[in-house]
């Protein structure tokens, strides 16, 4: 079976891009000795989702973030941990006045207490809080990558407005397009009308060799962004209506960046197995360059996440003999693959698997 067939789908190509980014990031140049890249996939905002996200941080900052556990911290928890005092204080005196009822603040306090990331006690009828550690500013840079292994005309036409919005918004520090390497002297993607600030990376998914066809420009993620709400007549020679947009404040962008980074910290890119039927008898894994790729023995290829579901006509439950001891039922080979990927995901967060 050829490598082209193994990595024929965009899903398989995306997994290879994530693995490459985890090992080789950045595309050109080197990170600092203390800088690490945390990689995740299929993350973004309600208006935009990227195929691959790279969070650049330092080992020290990642270790500080690890003190708050593997689960993501939502906006309310982060605000609470940043404002919590060093000494015991009544929570209403310690925290800034919220723009929502205090009862929701108390719910957040109890959640932080249950997760063991905030000291909470009662003094009479009052709830007092004390910070254990300060929530760190652990995100240095955020990089968005759109994966298009075969950039045909339809894919290019859909990619152009997406990248234009990314560049205008400036939520990420860089925007890239990852495409399959070809033997052409000039990469085919360079002939497309893409924003000049977007970088182009050519990757061979079989060998993980890469080259930069176009370097990405640095976007201004620290200032206000421009959200394009309507591109007007940009897609038609008959429609001359004007584009419409709105400004996004810098503090709102900072909140969105940390929201994405927290989800990336929790999920990583190996969480794809959580949405696949790993309890199917045909589900397995194939090792490639140290990477565990999902594999379907029925289709004899890397299956996509949408294919590997209960609606798959080839789905068959694991035989009872494959089940492991213990209650509730542990599962067979697919369960062990899930545990393996979870352990690797925990190692990339710089913490031991509990």
Protein backbone atom coordinates (compact mmCIF):
# COMPACT_ATOMS: atom_id res chain seq x y z
CA UNK A 1 0.00 0.00 0.00
CA UNK A 2 1.47 3.34 -1.01
CA UNK A 3 2.06 6.25 1.34
CA UNK A 4 -0.09 8.42 -0.92
CA UNK A 5 -3.05 6.22 -0.12
CA UNK A 6 -2.31 6.18 3.60
CA UNK A 7 -2.30 9.98 3.81
CA UNK A 8 -4.87 10.62 1.11
CA UNK A 9 -7.48 12.23 3.36
CA UNK A 10 -7.25 15.71 4.86
CA UNK A 11 -7.69 14.14 8.30
CA UNK A 12 -4.60 11.94 7.92
CA UNK A 13 -2.62 14.86 6.52
CA UNK A 14 -3.73 16.99 9.46
CA UNK A 15 -2.45 14.43 11.96
CA UNK A 16 0.92 14.39 10.22
CA UNK A 17 1.07 18.19 10.28
CA UNK A 18 0.37 18.15 14.02
CA UNK A 19 3.08 15.56 14.63
CA UNK A 20 5.53 17.51 12.49
CA UNK A 21 4.75 20.74 14.35
CA UNK A 22 5.26 19.05 17.71
CA UNK A 23 8.72 17.86 16.62
CA UNK A 24 9.99 20.54 14.22
CA UNK A 25 8.27 23.85 14.95
CA UNK A 26 8.96 26.54 13.77
CA UNK A 27 9.10 26.05 9.98
CA UNK A 28 12.17 28.27 9.56
CA UNK A 29 14.63 28.95 12.33
CA UNK A 30 14.70 27.55 15.84
CA UNK A 31 12.90 28.22 19.07
CA UNK A 32 14.77 29.43 22.11
CA UNK A 33 16.30 26.83 24.40
CA UNK A 34 13.50 27.33 26.92
CA UNK A 35 10.64 27.67 24.40
CA UNK A 36 8.25 24.81 23.65
CA UNK A 37 5.38 24.39 21.20
CA UNK A 38 2.04 22.99 22.36
CA UNK A 39 -0.01 21.66 19.42
CA UNK A 40 -3.77 21.13 19.15
CA UNK A 41 -6.26 20.62 16.35
CA UNK A 42 -9.77 21.79 15.41
CA UNK A 43 -9.92 24.77 17.77
CA UNK A 44 -11.00 28.37 17.47
CA UNK A 45 -13.90 30.68 18.19
CA UNK A 46 -17.58 30.38 17.35
CA UNK A 47 -16.91 32.29 14.11
CA UNK A 48 -13.66 30.59 13.06
CA UNK A 49 -12.09 27.20 13.63
CA UNK A 50 -8.55 26.31 12.60
CA UNK A 51 -7.20 22.91 11.64
CA UNK A 52 -4.05 23.21 13.73
CA UNK A 53 -3.11 25.55 16.58
CA UNK A 54 0.44 26.00 17.88
CA UNK A 55 0.87 27.66 21.28
CA UNK A 56 4.41 28.89 21.92
CA UNK A 57 5.35 29.13 25.58
CA UNK A 58 8.28 28.46 27.90
CA UNK A 59 8.98 25.39 30.00
CA UNK A 60 8.75 27.45 33.18
CA UNK A 61 5.39 28.96 32.21
CA UNK A 62 4.08 25.54 31.16
CA UNK A 63 5.12 24.13 34.54
CA UNK A 64 3.30 26.97 36.28
CA UNK A 65 0.17 26.30 34.23
CA UNK A 66 0.42 22.57 35.05
CA UNK A 67 -0.12 23.39 38.74
CA UNK A 68 -3.78 24.10 37.92
CA UNK A 69 -4.45 20.62 36.51
CA UNK A 70 -5.04 19.18 33.06
CA UNK A 71 -8.58 20.50 32.63
CA UNK A 72 -9.05 23.84 30.94
CA UNK A 73 -9.85 26.95 32.92
CA UNK A 74 -12.76 28.98 31.59
CA UNK A 75 -12.95 32.78 31.62
CA UNK A 76 -14.56 32.96 35.07
CA UNK A 77 -11.99 30.66 36.66
CA UNK A 78 -9.09 32.56 35.16
CA UNK A 79 -10.50 35.88 36.37
CA UNK A 80 -11.00 34.41 39.85
CA UNK A 81 -7.48 33.01 40.08
CA UNK A 82 -5.92 36.26 38.89
CA UNK A 83 -7.83 38.35 41.44
CA UNK A 84 -7.68 36.00 44.44
CA UNK A 85 -5.68 37.50 47.36
CA UNK A 86 -2.51 36.14 48.99
CA UNK A 87 -4.16 36.17 52.42
CA UNK A 88 -7.60 35.06 53.57
CA UNK A 89 -10.26 37.61 52.64
CA UNK A 90 -14.00 37.75 52.19
CA UNK A 91 -14.52 37.08 48.50
CA UNK A 92 -16.65 40.18 47.89
CA UNK A 93 -13.91 42.39 49.32
CA UNK A 94 -11.16 40.60 47.39
CA UNK A 95 -12.70 40.39 43.93
CA UNK A 96 -13.66 43.24 41.61
CA UNK A 97 -17.36 43.96 41.18
CA UNK A 98 -18.65 41.56 38.51
CA UNK A 99 -21.04 42.54 35.75
CA UNK A 100 -23.22 39.54 36.64
CA UNK A 101 -24.80 38.33 39.93
CA UNK A 102 -22.50 37.36 42.81
CA UNK A 103 -24.15 33.94 43.04
CA UNK A 104 -22.35 32.94 39.84
CA UNK A 105 -19.08 34.07 41.41
CA UNK A 106 -19.80 31.75 44.33
CA UNK A 107 -20.39 28.88 41.90
CA UNK A 108 -16.99 29.55 40.35
CA UNK A 109 -15.38 29.64 43.80
CA UNK A 110 -16.88 26.27 44.70
CA UNK A 111 -15.73 24.81 41.36
CA UNK A 112 -12.19 26.04 42.00
CA UNK A 113 -12.36 24.55 45.49
CA UNK A 114 -13.54 21.18 44.12
CA UNK A 115 -10.64 21.17 41.65
CA UNK A 116 -8.17 22.00 44.42
CA UNK A 117 -6.80 25.16 42.79
CA UNK A 118 -8.09 27.70 45.33
CA UNK A 119 -8.16 27.75 49.13
CA UNK A 120 -11.72 28.26 50.40
CA UNK A 121 -13.08 28.36 53.93
CA UNK A 122 -16.13 29.62 55.80
CA UNK A 123 -15.87 32.25 58.49
CA UNK A 124 -19.30 32.42 60.01
CA UNK A 125 -21.63 33.02 57.08
CA UNK A 126 -18.87 34.42 54.92
CA UNK A 127 -16.87 32.61 52.25
CA UNK A 128 -13.19 33.51 52.40
CA UNK A 129 -10.68 32.71 49.69
CA UNK A 130 -6.90 32.59 49.37
CA UNK A 131 -4.76 32.11 46.29
CA UNK A 132 -2.51 29.07 46.03
CA UNK A 133 -0.63 30.18 42.90
CA UNK A 134 -1.11 33.09 40.57
CA UNK A 135 -2.44 32.15 37.15
CA UNK A 136 0.50 32.81 34.79
CA UNK A 137 0.59 34.70 31.51
CA UNK A 138 1.83 31.52 29.89
CA UNK A 139 0.98 32.16 26.21
CA UNK A 140 3.78 33.84 24.26
CA UNK A 141 2.55 33.36 20.70
CA UNK A 142 -0.43 31.74 19.00
CA UNK A 143 -0.07 30.35 15.47
CA UNK A 144 -2.97 29.19 13.27
CA UNK A 145 -2.47 26.65 10.47
CA UNK A 146 -4.99 25.70 7.81
CA UNK A 147 -4.32 22.27 6.28
CA UNK A 148 -5.07 21.81 2.59
CA UNK A 149 -3.17 18.80 1.22
CA UNK A 150 -4.65 19.12 -2.27
CA UNK A 151 -5.40 22.74 -2.98
CA UNK A 152 -7.80 22.53 -5.90
CA UNK A 153 -9.81 25.47 -7.22
CA UNK A 154 -12.76 24.99 -4.86
CA UNK A 155 -10.51 24.65 -1.81
CA UNK A 156 -8.56 27.76 -2.79
CA UNK A 157 -11.71 29.84 -3.29
CA UNK A 158 -12.91 28.87 0.19
CA UNK A 159 -9.50 29.44 1.75
CA UNK A 160 -8.98 32.99 0.51
CA UNK A 161 -11.77 34.72 2.51
CA UNK A 162 -10.89 32.67 5.59
CA UNK A 163 -7.28 33.85 5.54
CA UNK A 164 -8.32 37.42 4.82
CA UNK A 165 -10.45 37.37 7.94
CA UNK A 166 -7.58 35.83 9.96
CA UNK A 167 -5.15 38.53 8.88
CA UNK A 168 -7.63 41.34 9.54
CA UNK A 169 -8.61 40.00 12.94
CA UNK A 170 -5.05 39.34 14.09
CA UNK A 171 -6.14 36.90 16.78
CA UNK A 172 -3.14 34.70 16.04
CA UNK A 173 0.41 35.99 15.75
CA UNK A 174 0.88 34.13 12.46
CA UNK A 175 -1.38 32.45 9.90
CA UNK A 176 -0.13 29.56 7.74
CA UNK A 177 -1.36 27.21 5.04
CA UNK A 178 0.10 23.70 5.08
CA UNK A 179 -0.15 21.85 1.79
CA UNK A 180 1.28 18.66 0.31
CA UNK A 181 4.74 19.02 -1.21
CA UNK A 182 4.90 18.65 -4.98
CA UNK A 183 7.68 18.30 -7.55
CA UNK A 184 6.77 21.65 -9.12
CA UNK A 185 9.42 24.34 -9.16
CA UNK A 186 6.91 26.82 -7.76
CA UNK A 187 4.31 25.64 -5.26
CA UNK A 188 0.82 25.62 -6.85
CA UNK A 189 -0.61 27.40 -3.82
CA UNK A 190 1.47 30.48 -4.60
CA UNK A 191 -0.60 31.04 -7.73
CA UNK A 192 -3.70 31.53 -5.59
CA UNK A 193 -4.83 34.99 -4.51
CA UNK A 194 -4.00 34.61 -0.83
CA UNK A 195 -3.05 37.39 1.62
CA UNK A 196 0.66 38.15 1.52
CA UNK A 197 0.80 37.96 5.33
CA UNK A 198 -0.18 34.29 5.28
CA UNK A 199 2.70 31.80 5.17
CA UNK A 200 2.79 28.69 3.00
CA UNK A 201 4.35 25.46 4.22
CA UNK A 202 4.94 22.45 1.96
CA UNK A 203 5.02 19.13 3.79
CA UNK A 204 5.60 15.57 2.62
CA UNK A 205 3.38 13.53 4.96
CA UNK A 206 5.31 10.31 4.30
CA UNK A 207 8.76 11.60 5.25
CA UNK A 208 7.75 14.67 7.29
CA UNK A 209 10.21 16.75 5.26
CA UNK A 210 9.11 20.37 4.93
CA UNK A 211 10.01 23.61 3.24
CA UNK A 212 8.70 27.17 3.43
CA UNK A 213 7.29 28.36 0.13
CA UNK A 214 6.24 31.73 1.58
CA UNK A 215 7.15 33.16 4.97
CA UNK A 216 4.33 34.33 7.21
CA UNK A 217 4.17 37.93 8.34
CA UNK A 218 3.76 38.79 12.01
CA UNK A 219 0.23 39.94 12.83
CA UNK A 220 -0.52 42.56 15.47
CA UNK A 221 -2.23 40.38 18.05
CA UNK A 222 -1.73 42.90 20.87
CA UNK A 223 -3.88 45.70 19.43
CA UNK A 224 -7.49 45.91 18.25
CA UNK A 225 -8.59 43.59 15.46
CA UNK A 226 -10.92 44.04 12.52
CA UNK A 227 -13.70 41.47 12.18
CA UNK A 228 -14.98 41.33 8.61
CA UNK A 229 -18.70 40.66 8.90
CA UNK A 230 -19.56 40.92 5.20
CA UNK A 231 -17.11 40.93 2.32
CA UNK A 232 -19.59 42.73 0.12
CA UNK A 233 -19.14 42.18 -3.60
CA UNK A 234 -15.63 40.76 -3.34
CA UNK A 235 -16.74 37.42 -4.80
CA UNK A 236 -18.78 38.75 -7.69
CA UNK A 237 -18.20 41.19 -10.54
CA UNK A 238 -21.92 42.03 -10.52
CA UNK A 239 -22.18 42.92 -6.83
CA UNK A 240 -20.46 46.20 -5.94
CA UNK A 241 -21.75 46.49 -2.37
CA UNK A 242 -19.27 47.60 0.27
CA UNK A 243 -17.75 45.31 2.85
CA UNK A 244 -18.79 45.74 6.48
CA UNK A 245 -16.62 45.22 9.54
CA UNK A 246 -16.38 45.86 13.24
CA UNK A 247 -13.47 46.49 15.60
CA UNK A 248 -12.56 44.01 18.33
CA UNK A 249 -10.82 45.49 21.42
CA UNK A 250 -7.39 44.20 22.39
CA UNK A 251 -8.61 42.91 25.76
CA UNK A 252 -11.32 40.88 24.01
CA UNK A 253 -8.70 39.38 21.73
CA UNK A 254 -6.57 38.51 24.75
CA UNK A 255 -9.52 36.71 26.33
CA UNK A 256 -10.15 34.73 23.14
CA UNK A 257 -6.46 33.82 22.84
CA UNK A 258 -6.34 32.39 26.35
CA UNK A 259 -9.64 30.61 25.80
CA UNK A 260 -8.13 28.86 22.77
CA UNK A 261 -4.86 28.17 24.56
CA UNK A 262 -6.64 26.61 27.54
CA UNK A 263 -8.58 24.28 25.24
CA UNK A 264 -5.36 23.42 23.44
CA UNK A 265 -3.72 22.62 26.78
CA UNK A 266 -6.56 20.29 27.74
CA UNK A 267 -7.14 18.53 24.41
CA UNK A 268 -3.91 18.56 22.46
CA UNK A 269 -4.15 17.00 19.00
CA UNK A 270 -4.26 13.33 19.99
CA UNK A 271 -7.78 13.63 21.39
CA UNK A 272 -9.20 12.52 18.02
CA UNK A 273 -9.60 9.01 19.43
CA UNK A 274 -12.18 10.32 21.92
CA UNK A 275 -14.67 10.82 19.07
CA UNK A 276 -13.87 7.57 17.22
CA UNK A 277 -15.24 4.07 17.80
CA UNK A 278 -12.17 2.59 19.41
CA UNK A 279 -14.39 -0.24 20.70
CA UNK A 280 -14.77 -1.55 17.14
CA UNK A 281 -12.96 -4.80 16.37
CA UNK A 282 -11.44 -3.20 13.26
CA UNK A 283 -10.00 -0.22 15.11
CA UNK A 284 -6.24 -0.27 15.52
CA UNK A 285 -3.12 1.83 15.18
CA UNK A 286 -0.12 1.96 12.89
CA UNK A 287 3.21 3.40 13.99
CA UNK A 288 4.98 5.84 11.71
CA UNK A 289 8.11 7.72 12.81
CA UNK A 290 7.05 7.29 16.42
CA UNK A 291 3.50 8.50 15.73
CA UNK A 292 0.48 6.30 16.45
CA UNK A 293 -2.01 6.80 13.62
CA UNK A 294 -5.56 5.42 13.75
CA UNK A 295 -6.03 2.49 11.42
CA UNK A 296 -9.09 0.60 10.18
CA UNK A 297 -8.41 -3.05 9.35
CA UNK A 298 -11.70 -3.21 7.44
CA UNK A 299 -10.82 -0.37 5.05
CA UNK A 300 -7.03 -0.99 5.32
CA UNK A 301 -6.23 2.72 5.67
CA UNK A 302 -6.23 5.67 8.03
CA UNK A 303 -9.90 6.34 8.57
CA UNK A 304 -11.35 9.79 9.17
CA UNK A 305 -13.06 10.80 12.39
CA UNK A 306 -16.42 11.13 10.62
CA UNK A 307 -16.11 7.66 9.10
CA UNK A 308 -15.23 5.99 12.40
CA UNK A 309 -18.67 6.19 13.99
CA UNK A 310 -21.60 3.96 14.83
CA UNK A 311 -23.04 4.67 11.39
CA UNK A 312 -20.08 2.97 9.69
CA UNK A 313 -21.38 -0.12 7.84
CA UNK A 314 -18.27 -2.09 8.83
CA UNK A 315 -18.63 -1.38 12.56
CA UNK A 316 -18.50 -4.48 14.76
CA UNK A 317 -18.22 -4.49 18.55
CA UNK A 318 -15.11 -6.04 20.02
CA UNK A 319 -15.42 -9.76 20.83
CA UNK A 320 -15.98 -10.39 24.55
CA UNK A 321 -12.71 -12.33 24.70
CA UNK A 322 -10.81 -9.12 23.95
CA UNK A 323 -12.20 -7.38 26.98
CA UNK A 324 -9.88 -6.79 29.90
CA UNK A 325 -10.56 -7.64 33.52
CA UNK A 326 -12.13 -5.06 35.76
CA UNK A 327 -15.44 -3.31 36.22
CA UNK A 328 -16.77 -1.45 34.41
CA UNK A 329 -15.61 -3.22 31.29
CA UNK A 330 -12.23 -1.79 30.28
CA UNK A 331 -12.24 -2.61 26.57
CA UNK A 332 -9.77 -4.22 24.21
CA UNK A 333 -6.99 -2.95 21.92
CA UNK A 334 -8.82 0.29 21.10
CA UNK A 335 -9.01 1.13 24.78
CA UNK A 336 -5.27 0.58 25.17
CA UNK A 337 -4.58 2.85 22.19
CA UNK A 338 -6.71 5.54 23.82
CA UNK A 339 -4.71 5.19 27.03
CA UNK A 340 -1.45 5.40 25.09
CA UNK A 341 -2.48 8.62 23.34
CA UNK A 342 -3.70 10.10 26.63
CA UNK A 343 -0.32 9.36 28.23
CA UNK A 344 1.52 11.01 25.34
CA UNK A 345 -0.80 14.00 25.53
CA UNK A 346 -0.02 14.34 29.23
CA UNK A 347 3.73 14.26 28.56
CA UNK A 348 3.48 17.16 26.10
CA UNK A 349 1.84 19.22 28.85
CA UNK A 350 4.92 18.68 30.98
CA UNK A 351 3.16 16.68 33.66
CA UNK A 352 3.03 13.07 34.70
CA UNK A 353 -0.07 11.09 33.97
CA UNK A 354 -1.99 10.52 37.18
